[in-house]
Amino acid sequence: MTVFAMPVFDATVIYEGKELFKGKGAAGMWADKLAAEIGGPVTVEKIGTGWALCGRSDDVDCKWGIYGQRLKRLD
């Protein structure tokens, strides 16, 4: 599920078939934007060689990565 349509043009890495943020700083910036969008806290978590966004949406724990220059839930 894509959260919103703002394009993600930050450097990414592929880890176990998932596209993740390459740097913690870029992931943190997107975590702030996503937190404002879903109305709750979002953190960043290291997964392998990249960084994912983690938070709760619709009372479900979620992780987000990137797909086609958009944020997408990984789970």
C-alpha atoms as a PDB file:
ATOM      1  CA  MET A   1       0.000   0.000   0.000  1.00  0.00           C
ATOM      2  CA  THR A   2       1.436   3.379  -1.006  1.00  0.00           C
ATOM      3  CA  VAL A   3       0.983   5.938   1.757  1.00  0.00           C
ATOM      4  CA  PHE A   4       1.207   9.123  -0.290  1.00  0.00           C
ATOM      5  CA  ALA A   5       2.402  10.131  -3.710  1.00  0.00           C
ATOM      6  CA  MET A   6       5.333  12.443  -2.930  1.00  0.00           C
ATOM      7  CA  PRO A   7       8.281  11.035  -4.933  1.00  0.00           C
ATOM      8  CA  VAL A   8      11.296   9.666  -3.060  1.00  0.00           C
ATOM      9  CA  PHE A   9      14.525  10.624  -4.829  1.00  0.00           C
ATOM     10  CA  ASP A  10      16.960   9.599  -2.074  1.00  0.00           C
ATOM     11  CA  ALA A  11      19.677   6.969  -2.518  1.00  0.00           C
ATOM     12  CA  THR A  12      18.432   3.435  -1.907  1.00  0.00           C
ATOM     13  CA  VAL A  13      19.794  -0.068  -1.415  1.00  0.00           C
ATOM     14  CA  ILE A  14      18.188  -3.427  -2.123  1.00  0.00           C
ATOM     15  CA  TYR A  15      18.273  -5.923   0.750  1.00  0.00           C
ATOM     16  CA  GLU A  16      16.494  -9.282   0.470  1.00  0.00           C
ATOM     17  CA  GLY A  17      14.375  -7.938  -2.379  1.00  0.00           C
ATOM     18  CA  LYS A  18      13.271  -4.827  -0.474  1.00  0.00           C
ATOM     19  CA  GLU A  19      14.250  -1.307  -1.509  1.00  0.00           C
ATOM     20  CA  LEU A  20      15.344   0.645   1.561  1.00  0.00           C
ATOM     21  CA  PHE A  21      16.872   4.023   2.324  1.00  0.00           C
ATOM     22  CA  LYS A  22      20.662   4.016   2.015  1.00  0.00           C
ATOM     23  CA  GLY A  23      21.244   6.576   4.782  1.00  0.00           C
ATOM     24  CA  LYS A  24      19.793   7.070   8.246  1.00  0.00           C
ATOM     25  CA  GLY A  25      19.505  10.840   7.717  1.00  0.00           C
ATOM     26  CA  ALA A  26      17.303  10.521   4.633  1.00  0.00           C
ATOM     27  CA  ALA A  27      15.189   7.880   6.358  1.00  0.00           C
ATOM     28  CA  GLY A  28      14.774  10.202   9.366  1.00  0.00           C
ATOM     29  CA  MET A  29      13.569  13.041   7.132  1.00  0.00           C
ATOM     30  CA  TRP A  30      10.966  10.746   5.564  1.00  0.00           C
ATOM     31  CA  ALA A  31       9.991   9.399   8.982  1.00  0.00           C
ATOM     32  CA  ASP A  32       9.028  12.955   9.988  1.00  0.00           C
ATOM     33  CA  LYS A  33       6.925  13.388   6.815  1.00  0.00           C
ATOM     34  CA  LEU A  34       5.226  10.026   7.275  1.00  0.00           C
ATOM     35  CA  ALA A  35       4.522  10.744  10.957  1.00  0.00           C
ATOM     36  CA  ALA A  36       2.720  13.940   9.956  1.00  0.00           C
ATOM     37  CA  GLU A  37       0.730  12.016   7.332  1.00  0.00           C
ATOM     38  CA  ILE A  38      -0.434   9.162   9.598  1.00  0.00           C
ATOM     39  CA  GLY A  39      -0.692  11.228  12.784  1.00  0.00           C
ATOM     40  CA  GLY A  40       1.608   9.086  14.919  1.00  0.00           C
ATOM     41  CA  PRO A  41       5.270   8.501  15.705  1.00  0.00           C
ATOM     42  CA  VAL A  42       7.540   6.945  13.083  1.00  0.00           C
ATOM     43  CA  THR A  43      11.098   5.774  13.725  1.00  0.00           C
ATOM     44  CA  VAL A  44      13.879   4.412  11.520  1.00  0.00           C
ATOM     45  CA  GLU A  45      15.265   0.883  11.834  1.00  0.00           C
ATOM     46  CA  LYS A  46      18.354  -0.682  10.291  1.00  0.00           C
ATOM     47  CA  ILE A  47      17.487  -3.718   8.173  1.00  0.00           C
ATOM     48  CA  GLY A  48      20.541  -5.374   6.689  1.00  0.00           C
ATOM     49  CA  THR A  49      22.331  -2.726   4.627  1.00  0.00           C
ATOM     50  CA  GLY A  50      19.498  -0.179   4.570  1.00  0.00           C
ATOM     51  CA  TRP A  51      17.007   1.755   6.687  1.00  0.00           C
ATOM     52  CA  ALA A  52      13.226   1.319   6.910  1.00  0.00           C
ATOM     53  CA  LEU A  53      10.515   3.464   8.505  1.00  0.00           C
ATOM     54  CA  CYS A  54       8.582   1.903  11.404  1.00  0.00           C
ATOM     55  CA  GLY A  55       5.303   2.980  13.006  1.00  0.00           C
ATOM     56  CA  ARG A  56       1.633   2.144  13.496  1.00  0.00           C
ATOM     57  CA  SER A  57      -1.089   2.689  10.929  1.00  0.00           C
ATOM     58  CA  ASP A  58      -4.694   1.604  11.443  1.00  0.00           C
ATOM     59  CA  ASP A  59      -3.665  -0.066  14.756  1.00  0.00           C
ATOM     60  CA  VAL A  60      -1.155  -2.313  12.969  1.00  0.00           C
ATOM     61  CA  ASP A  61       2.648  -2.234  13.397  1.00  0.00           C
ATOM     62  CA  CYS A  62       4.108  -1.444   9.977  1.00  0.00           C
ATOM     63  CA  LYS A  63       7.427  -1.027   8.195  1.00  0.00           C
ATOM     64  CA  TRP A  64       7.808   1.041   5.068  1.00  0.00           C
ATOM     65  CA  GLY A  65      10.410   0.967   2.338  1.00  0.00           C
ATOM     66  CA  ILE A  66      10.391   2.307  -1.198  1.00  0.00           C
ATOM     67  CA  TYR A  67       8.784   0.997  -4.356  1.00  0.00           C
ATOM     68  CA  GLY A  68       8.835   2.926  -7.618  1.00  0.00           C
ATOM     69  CA  GLN A  69       9.931   6.159  -5.893  1.00  0.00           C
ATOM     70  CA  ARG A  70       7.001   5.987  -3.448  1.00  0.00           C
ATOM     71  CA  LEU A  71       6.748   4.868   0.168  1.00  0.00           C
ATOM     72  CA  LYS A  72       5.301   1.372   0.420  1.00  0.00           C
ATOM     73  CA  ARG A  73       4.551  -0.954   3.321  1.00  0.00           C
ATOM     74  CA  LEU A  74       6.996  -3.834   3.465  1.00  0.00           C
ATOM     75  CA  ASP A  75       4.735  -6.213   5.364  1.00  0.00           C
END
